[in-house]
Amino acid sequence: MALIRPTEVTESVRRTGPGRAVALLVLVGLAALIPLLGPSVAAHGTGEAPTTDSGVVALLRVLLFAALCVQVGELFAAGLARRVPGAPPGRPVGWAPYAAVVGFSAAAAAGELAPHGHGSRGGVLALLEAVAFAVAGLCALTRRPNRQVWPLAAVILAEALRAHPPTEPTPLIGSGLTVIHLTCSALWAGGLLNVLRMLRGWGETEAGAALLGVYARVAAVLFAGVTTTGLCSSLRRMPSEAVLDQLTTTAYGRVLLAKVLVVGAVALLALWARTRLRQAPDPLAACSPARVEIVALGVVVAVSGLLTALPLPVKG
């Protein structure tokens, strides 16, 4: 959304449409390099050797997480818009069906790459994720797209179970933390993406500023959920007495440290946007830092996918 007069919106979109499309493709290409090249870069000098398919696995997880964010965020933003008095009836074209195809493909391919294929625990969970994405995509095409919430919840649950096999200590606690972490992350990133898409179509309206304000209040709670569960999960996998050492001497620790730094940058951008929302003469001026924030959140998604493909540090 450009902060200009409504009569100029159409001309602005025509001028900048191709440029934005090219910029989006460039950003997607750069984001794909994070999971593809990340395993070898992170493991350099640690004595750890990434598996041959770790880059592909990381890329598939990034695609799965991105698809989940788009679908969950679309439902979330639509719910927020219904809470805004005088909100325009128009909604942007839904991306959920396309995201479902991406999620289905990524989950199915991840199942093939799992040890022992679809016959293993990881393969079965990946198959469940693929089926859930397919069902969510079909729900998105119906008159009641809100029904997507159930298959998407199944995706989150399956991903949480995959991340914490029964062989690790207290796997149910780990899975519970992951469920909360994934849910808050998808609502935060996907919600912001779809809120910005709505605002671009609404133009300069009081409803747009109100929608941003509603999202900002909920996002503060989501950020607290992401950071708390992320910290608890990290401490479970890296004992407190070894955290500082493993953050720099293991591939997992290095990527985790990078994720923490990027999330910190996102938090600063969110604070900047919230300040402009409250103090600027035009509350929609908060859209500028919010756009940068969504790019940074895309980096967080890419780093998170990379993190799932790396071996856990050895305790002790």
C-alpha atoms as a PDB file:
ATOM      1  CA  MET A   1       0.000   0.000   0.000  1.00  0.00           C
ATOM      2  CA  ALA A   2       1.376   3.413  -0.940  1.00  0.00           C
ATOM      3  CA  LEU A   3       0.683   6.344   1.354  1.00  0.00           C
ATOM      4  CA  ILE A   4      -0.846   8.547  -1.356  1.00  0.00           C
ATOM      5  CA  ARG A   5      -4.203   9.928  -2.362  1.00  0.00           C
ATOM      6  CA  PRO A   6      -6.776   7.296  -3.311  1.00  0.00           C
ATOM      7  CA  THR A   7      -7.050   8.832  -6.775  1.00  0.00           C
ATOM      8  CA  GLU A   8      -3.385   8.065  -7.358  1.00  0.00           C
ATOM      9  CA  VAL A   9      -3.400   4.496  -6.072  1.00  0.00           C
ATOM     10  CA  THR A  10      -4.191   2.858  -9.392  1.00  0.00           C
ATOM     11  CA  GLU A  11      -1.490   4.763 -11.265  1.00  0.00           C
ATOM     12  CA  SER A  12       1.065   3.997  -8.562  1.00  0.00           C
ATOM     13  CA  VAL A  13       0.286   0.289  -8.681  1.00  0.00           C
ATOM     14  CA  ARG A  14       0.665   0.286 -12.463  1.00  0.00           C
ATOM     15  CA  ARG A  15       4.031   2.004 -12.221  1.00  0.00           C
ATOM     16  CA  THR A  16       5.492  -0.099  -9.458  1.00  0.00           C
ATOM     17  CA  GLY A  17       3.806  -3.455 -10.122  1.00  0.00           C
ATOM     18  CA  PRO A  18       6.576  -4.951 -12.341  1.00  0.00           C
ATOM     19  CA  GLY A  19       9.278  -3.540 -10.092  1.00  0.00           C
ATOM     20  CA  ARG A  20       7.692  -5.069  -7.033  1.00  0.00           C
ATOM     21  CA  ALA A  21       7.338  -8.406  -8.807  1.00  0.00           C
ATOM     22  CA  VAL A  22      11.030  -8.401  -9.729  1.00  0.00           C
ATOM     23  CA  ALA A  23      12.004  -7.381  -6.197  1.00  0.00           C
ATOM     24  CA  LEU A  24       9.853 -10.189  -4.804  1.00  0.00           C
ATOM     25  CA  LEU A  25      11.522 -12.753  -7.073  1.00  0.00           C
ATOM     26  CA  VAL A  26      14.964 -11.509  -6.035  1.00  0.00           C
ATOM     27  CA  LEU A  27      14.054 -11.738  -2.348  1.00  0.00           C
ATOM     28  CA  VAL A  28      12.665 -15.259  -2.803  1.00  0.00           C
ATOM     29  CA  GLY A  29      15.852 -16.318  -4.597  1.00  0.00           C
ATOM     30  CA  LEU A  30      18.045 -14.887  -1.866  1.00  0.00           C
ATOM     31  CA  ALA A  31      15.901 -16.520   0.817  1.00  0.00           C
ATOM     32  CA  ALA A  32      16.295 -19.894  -0.922  1.00  0.00           C
ATOM     33  CA  LEU A  33      20.074 -19.595  -0.611  1.00  0.00           C
ATOM     34  CA  ILE A  34      19.809 -19.583   3.194  1.00  0.00           C
ATOM     35  CA  PRO A  35      18.618 -23.201   3.516  1.00  0.00           C
ATOM     36  CA  LEU A  36      20.547 -24.463   0.489  1.00  0.00           C
ATOM     37  CA  LEU A  37      23.956 -23.091   1.497  1.00  0.00           C
ATOM     38  CA  GLY A  38      23.354 -22.724   5.219  1.00  0.00           C
ATOM     39  CA  PRO A  39      24.290 -26.242   6.419  1.00  0.00           C
ATOM     40  CA  SER A  40      27.810 -26.157   4.995  1.00  0.00           C
ATOM     41  CA  VAL A  41      28.408 -22.532   5.990  1.00  0.00           C
ATOM     42  CA  ALA A  42      27.184 -23.069   9.551  1.00  0.00           C
ATOM     43  CA  ALA A  43      29.232 -26.253   9.998  1.00  0.00           C
ATOM     44  CA  HIS A  44      32.477 -24.703   8.715  1.00  0.00           C
ATOM     45  CA  GLY A  45      35.185 -24.984  11.351  1.00  0.00           C
ATOM     46  CA  THR A  46      33.051 -26.946  13.820  1.00  0.00           C
ATOM     47  CA  GLY A  47      34.209 -30.439  12.883  1.00  0.00           C
ATOM     48  CA  GLU A  48      30.613 -31.359  12.012  1.00  0.00           C
ATOM     49  CA  ALA A  49      29.756 -32.697   8.576  1.00  0.00           C
ATOM     50  CA  PRO A  50      26.283 -31.905   7.208  1.00  0.00           C
ATOM     51  CA  THR A  51      24.484 -34.681   5.339  1.00  0.00           C
ATOM     52  CA  THR A  52      24.387 -34.541   1.560  1.00  0.00           C
ATOM     53  CA  ASP A  53      20.679 -33.734   1.434  1.00  0.00           C
ATOM     54  CA  SER A  54      20.548 -31.334   4.392  1.00  0.00           C
ATOM     55  CA  GLY A  55      20.240 -28.297   2.110  1.00  0.00           C
ATOM     56  CA  VAL A  56      17.292 -29.799   0.233  1.00  0.00           C
ATOM     57  CA  VAL A  57      15.621 -30.863   3.477  1.00  0.00           C
ATOM     58  CA  ALA A  58      16.062 -27.358   4.882  1.00  0.00           C
ATOM     59  CA  LEU A  59      14.557 -25.814   1.738  1.00  0.00           C
ATOM     60  CA  LEU A  60      11.537 -28.125   1.954  1.00  0.00           C
ATOM     61  CA  ARG A  61      10.983 -27.148   5.571  1.00  0.00           C
ATOM     62  CA  VAL A  62      11.193 -23.460   4.642  1.00  0.00           C
ATOM     63  CA  LEU A  63       8.548 -23.965   1.956  1.00  0.00           C
ATOM     64  CA  LEU A  64       6.350 -25.852   4.417  1.00  0.00           C
ATOM     65  CA  PHE A  65       6.665 -23.139   7.068  1.00  0.00           C
ATOM     66  CA  ALA A  66       6.012 -20.384   4.519  1.00  0.00           C
ATOM     67  CA  ALA A  67       2.891 -22.139   3.236  1.00  0.00           C
ATOM     68  CA  LEU A  68       1.646 -22.569   6.789  1.00  0.00           C
ATOM     69  CA  CYS A  69       2.220 -18.876   7.543  1.00  0.00           C
ATOM     70  CA  VAL A  70       0.311 -17.757   4.452  1.00  0.00           C
ATOM     71  CA  GLN A  71      -2.716 -19.939   5.182  1.00  0.00           C
ATOM     72  CA  VAL A  72      -2.876 -19.296   8.923  1.00  0.00           C
ATOM     73  CA  GLY A  73      -2.220 -15.592   8.413  1.00  0.00           C
ATOM     74  CA  GLU A  74      -5.016 -15.282   5.871  1.00  0.00           C
ATOM     75  CA  LEU A  75      -7.547 -16.658   8.340  1.00  0.00           C
ATOM     76  CA  PHE A  76      -6.126 -14.516  11.137  1.00  0.00           C
ATOM     77  CA  ALA A  77      -6.187 -11.264   9.147  1.00  0.00           C
ATOM     78  CA  ALA A  78      -9.750 -11.919   7.997  1.00  0.00           C
ATOM     79  CA  GLY A  79     -10.780 -12.395  11.616  1.00  0.00           C
ATOM     80  CA  LEU A  80      -9.104  -9.134  12.637  1.00  0.00           C
ATOM     81  CA  ALA A  81     -10.802  -7.264   9.790  1.00  0.00           C
ATOM     82  CA  ARG A  82     -14.206  -8.404  11.018  1.00  0.00           C
ATOM     83  CA  ARG A  83     -13.459  -6.682  14.339  1.00  0.00           C
ATOM     84  CA  VAL A  84     -12.848  -3.297  12.665  1.00  0.00           C
ATOM     85  CA  PRO A  85     -15.933  -1.031  12.477  1.00  0.00           C
ATOM     86  CA  GLY A  86     -16.583   0.274   8.981  1.00  0.00           C
ATOM     87  CA  ALA A  87     -14.051  -2.023   7.332  1.00  0.00           C
ATOM     88  CA  PRO A  88     -14.369  -2.098   3.526  1.00  0.00           C
ATOM     89  CA  PRO A  89     -16.016  -5.312   2.315  1.00  0.00           C
ATOM     90  CA  GLY A  90     -13.340  -6.062  -0.271  1.00  0.00           C
ATOM     91  CA  ARG A  91     -10.626  -8.612   0.471  1.00  0.00           C
ATOM     92  CA  PRO A  92      -7.443  -9.371  -1.504  1.00  0.00           C
ATOM     93  CA  VAL A  93      -7.366 -12.463  -3.675  1.00  0.00           C
ATOM     94  CA  GLY A  94      -6.673 -15.430  -1.436  1.00  0.00           C
ATOM     95  CA  TRP A  95      -3.293 -17.115  -1.628  1.00  0.00           C
ATOM     96  CA  ALA A  96      -4.340 -20.049   0.544  1.00  0.00           C
ATOM     97  CA  PRO A  97      -5.042 -22.533  -2.310  1.00  0.00           C
ATOM     98  CA  TYR A  98      -1.621 -21.870  -3.850  1.00  0.00           C
ATOM     99  CA  ALA A  99       0.078 -22.076  -0.457  1.00  0.00           C
ATOM    100  CA  ALA A 100      -1.656 -25.412   0.116  1.00  0.00           C
ATOM    101  CA  VAL A 101      -0.132 -26.775  -3.095  1.00  0.00           C
ATOM    102  CA  VAL A 102       3.324 -25.627  -1.982  1.00  0.00           C
ATOM    103  CA  GLY A 103       2.841 -27.112   1.478  1.00  0.00           C
ATOM    104  CA  PHE A 104       1.548 -30.402   0.082  1.00  0.00           C
ATOM    105  CA  SER A 105       4.510 -30.720  -2.296  1.00  0.00           C
ATOM    106  CA  ALA A 106       7.066 -29.828   0.381  1.00  0.00           C
ATOM    107  CA  ALA A 107       5.609 -32.264   2.922  1.00  0.00           C
ATOM    108  CA  ALA A 108       5.370 -35.105   0.399  1.00  0.00           C
ATOM    109  CA  ALA A 109       8.957 -34.567  -0.754  1.00  0.00           C
ATOM    110  CA  ALA A 110      10.181 -34.374   2.847  1.00  0.00           C
ATOM    111  CA  GLY A 111       8.551 -37.740   3.501  1.00  0.00           C
ATOM    112  CA  GLU A 112      10.460 -39.281   0.613  1.00  0.00           C
ATOM    113  CA  LEU A 113      13.737 -37.951   2.034  1.00  0.00           C
ATOM    114  CA  ALA A 114      13.003 -39.223   5.553  1.00  0.00           C
ATOM    115  CA  PRO A 115      15.024 -42.269   6.677  1.00  0.00           C
ATOM    116  CA  HIS A 116      13.216 -45.384   5.393  1.00  0.00           C
ATOM    117  CA  GLY A 117      10.831 -43.151   3.426  1.00  0.00           C
ATOM    118  CA  HIS A 118       7.120 -42.984   4.175  1.00  0.00           C
ATOM    119  CA  GLY A 119       7.335 -46.176   6.217  1.00  0.00           C
ATOM    120  CA  SER A 120       9.189 -44.437   9.046  1.00  0.00           C
ATOM    121  CA  ARG A 121       7.693 -42.323  11.807  1.00  0.00           C
ATOM    122  CA  GLY A 122       8.949 -39.172  10.131  1.00  0.00           C
ATOM    123  CA  GLY A 123       7.594 -40.349   6.794  1.00  0.00           C
ATOM    124  CA  VAL A 124       4.146 -41.068   8.226  1.00  0.00           C
ATOM    125  CA  LEU A 125       4.012 -37.641   9.868  1.00  0.00           C
ATOM    126  CA  ALA A 126       5.102 -36.008   6.610  1.00  0.00           C
ATOM    127  CA  LEU A 127       2.337 -37.889   4.796  1.00  0.00           C
ATOM    128  CA  LEU A 128      -0.145 -36.635   7.391  1.00  0.00           C
ATOM    129  CA  GLU A 129       1.069 -33.083   6.802  1.00  0.00           C
ATOM    130  CA  ALA A 130       0.671 -33.494   3.039  1.00  0.00           C
ATOM    131  CA  VAL A 131      -2.894 -34.776   3.404  1.00  0.00           C
ATOM    132  CA  ALA A 132      -3.726 -31.958   5.833  1.00  0.00           C
ATOM    133  CA  PHE A 133      -2.415 -29.347   3.399  1.00  0.00           C
ATOM    134  CA  ALA A 134      -4.521 -30.883   0.627  1.00  0.00           C
ATOM    135  CA  VAL A 135      -7.641 -30.761   2.794  1.00  0.00           C
ATOM    136  CA  ALA A 136      -6.872 -27.169   3.803  1.00  0.00           C
ATOM    137  CA  GLY A 137      -6.532 -26.211   0.146  1.00  0.00           C
ATOM    138  CA  LEU A 138      -9.919 -27.726  -0.649  1.00  0.00           C
ATOM    139  CA  CYS A 139     -11.469 -25.910   2.312  1.00  0.00           C
ATOM    140  CA  ALA A 140     -10.027 -22.627   1.022  1.00  0.00           C
ATOM    141  CA  LEU A 141     -11.962 -23.090  -2.218  1.00  0.00           C
ATOM    142  CA  THR A 142     -15.304 -23.574  -0.474  1.00  0.00           C
ATOM    143  CA  ARG A 143     -17.735 -20.972   0.837  1.00  0.00           C
ATOM    144  CA  ARG A 144     -16.505 -21.604   4.368  1.00  0.00           C
ATOM    145  CA  PRO A 145     -12.718 -21.155   4.229  1.00  0.00           C
ATOM    146  CA  ASN A 146     -12.593 -20.947   8.033  1.00  0.00           C
ATOM    147  CA  ARG A 147     -12.716 -24.732   8.065  1.00  0.00           C
ATOM    148  CA  GLN A 148      -9.031 -24.645   7.106  1.00  0.00           C
ATOM    149  CA  VAL A 149      -8.233 -24.172  10.770  1.00  0.00           C
ATOM    150  CA  TRP A 150      -8.634 -27.893  11.526  1.00  0.00           C
ATOM    151  CA  PRO A 151      -6.288 -29.346   8.883  1.00  0.00           C
ATOM    152  CA  LEU A 152      -3.802 -26.551   9.567  1.00  0.00           C
ATOM    153  CA  ALA A 153      -3.889 -27.464  13.252  1.00  0.00           C
ATOM    154  CA  ALA A 154      -3.117 -31.037  12.192  1.00  0.00           C
ATOM    155  CA  VAL A 155      -0.079 -29.774  10.243  1.00  0.00           C
ATOM    156  CA  ILE A 156       1.223 -27.939  13.311  1.00  0.00           C
ATOM    157  CA  LEU A 157       0.673 -30.949  15.552  1.00  0.00           C
ATOM    158  CA  ALA A 158       2.369 -33.333  13.111  1.00  0.00           C
ATOM    159  CA  GLU A 159       5.330 -30.980  12.750  1.00  0.00           C
ATOM    160  CA  ALA A 160       5.652 -30.730  16.529  1.00  0.00           C
ATOM    161  CA  LEU A 161       5.635 -34.519  16.877  1.00  0.00           C
ATOM    162  CA  ARG A 162       8.206 -34.858  14.089  1.00  0.00           C
ATOM    163  CA  ALA A 163      10.541 -32.399  15.783  1.00  0.00           C
ATOM    164  CA  HIS A 164      10.488 -34.362  19.048  1.00  0.00           C
ATOM    165  CA  PRO A 165      10.840 -38.132  18.566  1.00  0.00           C
ATOM    166  CA  PRO A 166      10.092 -40.489  21.479  1.00  0.00           C
ATOM    167  CA  THR A 167      13.812 -41.116  21.980  1.00  0.00           C
ATOM    168  CA  GLU A 168      14.436 -37.656  23.449  1.00  0.00           C
ATOM    169  CA  PRO A 169      13.694 -36.824  27.104  1.00  0.00           C
ATOM    170  CA  THR A 170      10.133 -35.598  27.791  1.00  0.00           C
ATOM    171  CA  PRO A 171       9.113 -35.428  24.117  1.00  0.00           C
ATOM    172  CA  LEU A 172       5.551 -34.343  24.930  1.00  0.00           C
ATOM    173  CA  ILE A 173       6.829 -31.195  26.634  1.00  0.00           C
ATOM    174  CA  GLY A 174       8.974 -30.426  23.612  1.00  0.00           C
ATOM    175  CA  SER A 175       6.054 -31.041  21.260  1.00  0.00           C
ATOM    176  CA  GLY A 176       3.820 -28.766  23.327  1.00  0.00           C
ATOM    177  CA  LEU A 177       6.369 -25.961  23.176  1.00  0.00           C
ATOM    178  CA  THR A 178       6.698 -26.424  19.423  1.00  0.00           C
ATOM    179  CA  VAL A 179       2.925 -26.288  18.910  1.00  0.00           C
ATOM    180  CA  ILE A 180       2.761 -22.929  20.695  1.00  0.00           C
ATOM    181  CA  HIS A 181       5.896 -21.661  18.941  1.00  0.00           C
ATOM    182  CA  LEU A 182       4.677 -22.602  15.456  1.00  0.00           C
ATOM    183  CA  THR A 183       1.188 -21.244  16.052  1.00  0.00           C
ATOM    184  CA  CYS A 184       2.416 -17.884  17.343  1.00  0.00           C
ATOM    185  CA  SER A 185       5.006 -17.618  14.565  1.00  0.00           C
ATOM    186  CA  ALA A 186       2.494 -18.372  11.801  1.00  0.00           C
ATOM    187  CA  LEU A 187      -0.024 -15.895  13.214  1.00  0.00           C
ATOM    188  CA  TRP A 188       2.654 -13.210  13.614  1.00  0.00           C
ATOM    189  CA  ALA A 189       4.329 -13.482  10.212  1.00  0.00           C
ATOM    190  CA  GLY A 190       1.339 -14.587   8.170  1.00  0.00           C
ATOM    191  CA  GLY A 191      -0.962 -12.127   9.889  1.00  0.00           C
ATOM    192  CA  LEU A 192       1.276  -9.152   9.105  1.00  0.00           C
ATOM    193  CA  LEU A 193       1.626 -10.218   5.470  1.00  0.00           C
ATOM    194  CA  ASN A 194      -2.117 -10.415   4.961  1.00  0.00           C
ATOM    195  CA  VAL A 195      -2.875  -7.260   6.956  1.00  0.00           C
ATOM    196  CA  LEU A 196      -0.531  -5.317   4.664  1.00  0.00           C
ATOM    197  CA  ARG A 197      -2.223  -6.871   1.623  1.00  0.00           C
ATOM    198  CA  MET A 198      -5.604  -5.714   2.936  1.00  0.00           C
ATOM    199  CA  LEU A 199      -4.363  -2.193   3.618  1.00  0.00           C
ATOM    200  CA  ARG A 200      -3.012  -1.913   0.093  1.00  0.00           C
ATOM    201  CA  GLY A 201      -6.521  -2.480  -1.228  1.00  0.00           C
ATOM    202  CA  TRP A 202      -8.292  -0.315   1.325  1.00  0.00           C
ATOM    203  CA  GLY A 203      -6.308   2.850   0.678  1.00  0.00           C
ATOM    204  CA  GLU A 204      -6.204   5.755   3.149  1.00  0.00           C
ATOM    205  CA  THR A 205      -9.067   4.921   5.470  1.00  0.00           C
ATOM    206  CA  GLU A 206      -9.626   5.103   9.204  1.00  0.00           C
ATOM    207  CA  ALA A 207     -10.415   1.404   9.079  1.00  0.00           C
ATOM    208  CA  GLY A 208      -6.890   0.740   7.819  1.00  0.00           C
ATOM    209  CA  ALA A 209      -5.328   2.487  10.800  1.00  0.00           C
ATOM    210  CA  ALA A 210      -7.708   0.634  13.116  1.00  0.00           C
ATOM    211  CA  LEU A 211      -6.750  -2.714  11.573  1.00  0.00           C
ATOM    212  CA  LEU A 212      -3.067  -1.963  12.093  1.00  0.00           C
ATOM    213  CA  GLY A 213      -3.763  -1.079  15.703  1.00  0.00           C
ATOM    214  CA  VAL A 214      -5.686  -4.294  16.346  1.00  0.00           C
ATOM    215  CA  TYR A 215      -2.909  -6.351  14.776  1.00  0.00           C
ATOM    216  CA  ALA A 216      -0.198  -4.530  16.753  1.00  0.00           C
ATOM    217  CA  ARG A 217      -1.874  -5.346  20.062  1.00  0.00           C
ATOM    218  CA  VAL A 218      -2.212  -9.033  19.237  1.00  0.00           C
ATOM    219  CA  ALA A 219       1.306  -9.175  17.752  1.00  0.00           C
ATOM    220  CA  ALA A 220       2.789  -8.110  21.091  1.00  0.00           C
ATOM    221  CA  VAL A 221       1.273 -11.198  22.716  1.00  0.00           C
ATOM    222  CA  LEU A 222       2.401 -13.408  19.826  1.00  0.00           C
ATOM    223  CA  PHE A 223       5.959 -12.084  20.119  1.00  0.00           C
ATOM    224  CA  ALA A 224       5.972 -12.959  23.813  1.00  0.00           C
ATOM    225  CA  GLY A 225       4.791 -16.475  22.963  1.00  0.00           C
ATOM    226  CA  VAL A 226       7.457 -16.933  20.288  1.00  0.00           C
ATOM    227  CA  THR A 227      10.334 -15.734  22.455  1.00  0.00           C
ATOM    228  CA  THR A 228       9.263 -17.634  25.579  1.00  0.00           C
ATOM    229  CA  THR A 229       8.756 -20.971  23.840  1.00  0.00           C
ATOM    230  CA  GLY A 230      11.889 -20.487  21.754  1.00  0.00           C
ATOM    231  CA  LEU A 231      13.973 -19.846  24.862  1.00  0.00           C
ATOM    232  CA  CYS A 232      12.533 -22.862  26.666  1.00  0.00           C
ATOM    233  CA  SER A 233      13.105 -25.127  23.660  1.00  0.00           C
ATOM    234  CA  SER A 234      16.694 -23.953  23.311  1.00  0.00           C
ATOM    235  CA  LEU A 235      17.453 -24.576  26.974  1.00  0.00           C
ATOM    236  CA  ARG A 236      15.994 -28.081  26.670  1.00  0.00           C
ATOM    237  CA  ARG A 237      18.324 -28.890  23.791  1.00  0.00           C
ATOM    238  CA  MET A 238      21.370 -27.003  25.021  1.00  0.00           C
ATOM    239  CA  PRO A 239      21.932 -27.134  28.795  1.00  0.00           C
ATOM    240  CA  SER A 240      22.426 -23.742  30.395  1.00  0.00           C
ATOM    241  CA  GLU A 241      26.034 -24.464  31.355  1.00  0.00           C
ATOM    242  CA  ALA A 242      26.961 -25.125  27.719  1.00  0.00           C
ATOM    243  CA  VAL A 243      24.779 -22.651  25.841  1.00  0.00           C
ATOM    244  CA  LEU A 244      27.367 -19.916  25.332  1.00  0.00           C
ATOM    245  CA  ASP A 245      29.979 -22.379  24.102  1.00  0.00           C
ATOM    246  CA  GLN A 246      27.636 -24.272  21.773  1.00  0.00           C
ATOM    247  CA  LEU A 247      26.274 -21.060  20.265  1.00  0.00           C
ATOM    248  CA  THR A 248      29.614 -20.527  18.546  1.00  0.00           C
ATOM    249  CA  THR A 249      31.117 -24.014  18.226  1.00  0.00           C
ATOM    250  CA  THR A 250      28.217 -25.976  16.704  1.00  0.00           C
ATOM    251  CA  ALA A 251      26.284 -25.491  13.474  1.00  0.00           C
ATOM    252  CA  TYR A 252      22.983 -25.653  15.336  1.00  0.00           C
ATOM    253  CA  GLY A 253      24.129 -23.056  17.858  1.00  0.00           C
ATOM    254  CA  ARG A 254      25.387 -20.670  15.183  1.00  0.00           C
ATOM    255  CA  VAL A 255      22.123 -20.778  13.256  1.00  0.00           C
ATOM    256  CA  LEU A 256      20.163 -20.407  16.482  1.00  0.00           C
ATOM    257  CA  LEU A 257      22.232 -17.336  17.346  1.00  0.00           C
ATOM    258  CA  ALA A 258      21.551 -15.896  13.885  1.00  0.00           C
ATOM    259  CA  LYS A 259      17.834 -16.500  14.379  1.00  0.00           C
ATOM    260  CA  VAL A 260      17.890 -14.731  17.746  1.00  0.00           C
ATOM    261  CA  LEU A 261      19.611 -11.712  16.194  1.00  0.00           C
ATOM    262  CA  VAL A 262      17.115 -11.511  13.322  1.00  0.00           C
ATOM    263  CA  VAL A 263      14.156 -11.872  15.690  1.00  0.00           C
ATOM    264  CA  GLY A 264      15.654  -9.062  17.767  1.00  0.00           C
ATOM    265  CA  ALA A 265      15.826  -6.886  14.657  1.00  0.00           C
ATOM    266  CA  VAL A 266      12.200  -7.744  13.881  1.00  0.00           C
ATOM    267  CA  ALA A 267      11.218  -6.724  17.407  1.00  0.00           C
ATOM    268  CA  LEU A 268      12.875  -3.331  16.926  1.00  0.00           C
ATOM    269  CA  LEU A 269      11.061  -2.852  13.616  1.00  0.00           C
ATOM    270  CA  ALA A 270       7.775  -3.771  15.267  1.00  0.00           C
ATOM    271  CA  LEU A 271       8.455  -1.261  18.049  1.00  0.00           C
ATOM    272  CA  TRP A 272       9.238   1.407  15.450  1.00  0.00           C
ATOM    273  CA  ALA A 273       5.990   0.666  13.606  1.00  0.00           C
ATOM    274  CA  ARG A 274       4.009   0.750  16.849  1.00  0.00           C
ATOM    275  CA  THR A 275       5.558   4.122  17.765  1.00  0.00           C
ATOM    276  CA  ARG A 276       4.667   5.612  14.387  1.00  0.00           C
ATOM    277  CA  LEU A 277       1.169   4.180  14.681  1.00  0.00           C
ATOM    278  CA  ARG A 278       0.670   6.064  17.944  1.00  0.00           C
ATOM    279  CA  GLN A 279       2.550   9.312  17.337  1.00  0.00           C
ATOM    280  CA  ALA A 280       2.620  10.024  13.592  1.00  0.00           C
ATOM    281  CA  PRO A 281      -0.034  12.411  12.212  1.00  0.00           C
ATOM    282  CA  ASP A 282      -0.911   9.689   9.711  1.00  0.00           C
ATOM    283  CA  PRO A 283      -1.117   6.319  11.507  1.00  0.00           C
ATOM    284  CA  LEU A 284      -0.682   4.528   8.186  1.00  0.00           C
ATOM    285  CA  ALA A 285       2.927   5.757   8.216  1.00  0.00           C
ATOM    286  CA  ALA A 286       3.515   2.603  10.269  1.00  0.00           C
ATOM    287  CA  CYS A 287       3.228   0.629   7.029  1.00  0.00           C
ATOM    288  CA  SER A 288       6.783   1.551   6.025  1.00  0.00           C
ATOM    289  CA  PRO A 289       8.571  -0.203   8.914  1.00  0.00           C
ATOM    290  CA  ALA A 290       5.944  -2.955   8.767  1.00  0.00           C
ATOM    291  CA  ARG A 291       6.991  -3.775   5.196  1.00  0.00           C
ATOM    292  CA  VAL A 292      10.605  -4.071   6.291  1.00  0.00           C
ATOM    293  CA  GLU A 293       9.432  -6.179   9.212  1.00  0.00           C
ATOM    294  CA  ILE A 294       7.707  -8.684   6.915  1.00  0.00           C
ATOM    295  CA  VAL A 295      10.922  -9.088   4.908  1.00  0.00           C
ATOM    296  CA  ALA A 296      12.843  -9.726   8.129  1.00  0.00           C
ATOM    297  CA  LEU A 297      10.196 -12.234   9.199  1.00  0.00           C
ATOM    298  CA  GLY A 298      10.748 -14.010   5.890  1.00  0.00           C
ATOM    299  CA  VAL A 299      14.404 -14.347   6.847  1.00  0.00           C
ATOM    300  CA  VAL A 300      13.328 -15.760  10.217  1.00  0.00           C
ATOM    301  CA  VAL A 301      11.227 -18.392   8.423  1.00  0.00           C
ATOM    302  CA  ALA A 302      14.195 -19.316   6.215  1.00  0.00           C
ATOM    303  CA  VAL A 303      16.558 -19.592   9.186  1.00  0.00           C
ATOM    304  CA  SER A 304      13.986 -21.640  11.108  1.00  0.00           C
ATOM    305  CA  GLY A 305      13.758 -24.119   8.242  1.00  0.00           C
ATOM    306  CA  LEU A 306      17.537 -24.373   8.174  1.00  0.00           C
ATOM    307  CA  LEU A 307      17.620 -24.990  11.922  1.00  0.00           C
ATOM    308  CA  THR A 308      15.384 -28.068  11.617  1.00  0.00           C
ATOM    309  CA  ALA A 309      17.799 -29.706   9.163  1.00  0.00           C
ATOM    310  CA  LEU A 310      20.861 -29.446  11.410  1.00  0.00           C
ATOM    311  CA  PRO A 311      21.975 -32.054  13.957  1.00  0.00           C
ATOM    312  CA  LEU A 312      21.349 -31.202  17.578  1.00  0.00           C
ATOM    313  CA  PRO A 313      24.478 -30.338  19.587  1.00  0.00           C
ATOM    314  CA  VAL A 314      25.885 -33.112  21.737  1.00  0.00           C
ATOM    315  CA  LYS A 315      25.100 -32.578  25.400  1.00  0.00           C
ATOM    316  CA  GLY A 316      27.791 -32.827  27.954  1.00  0.00           C
END
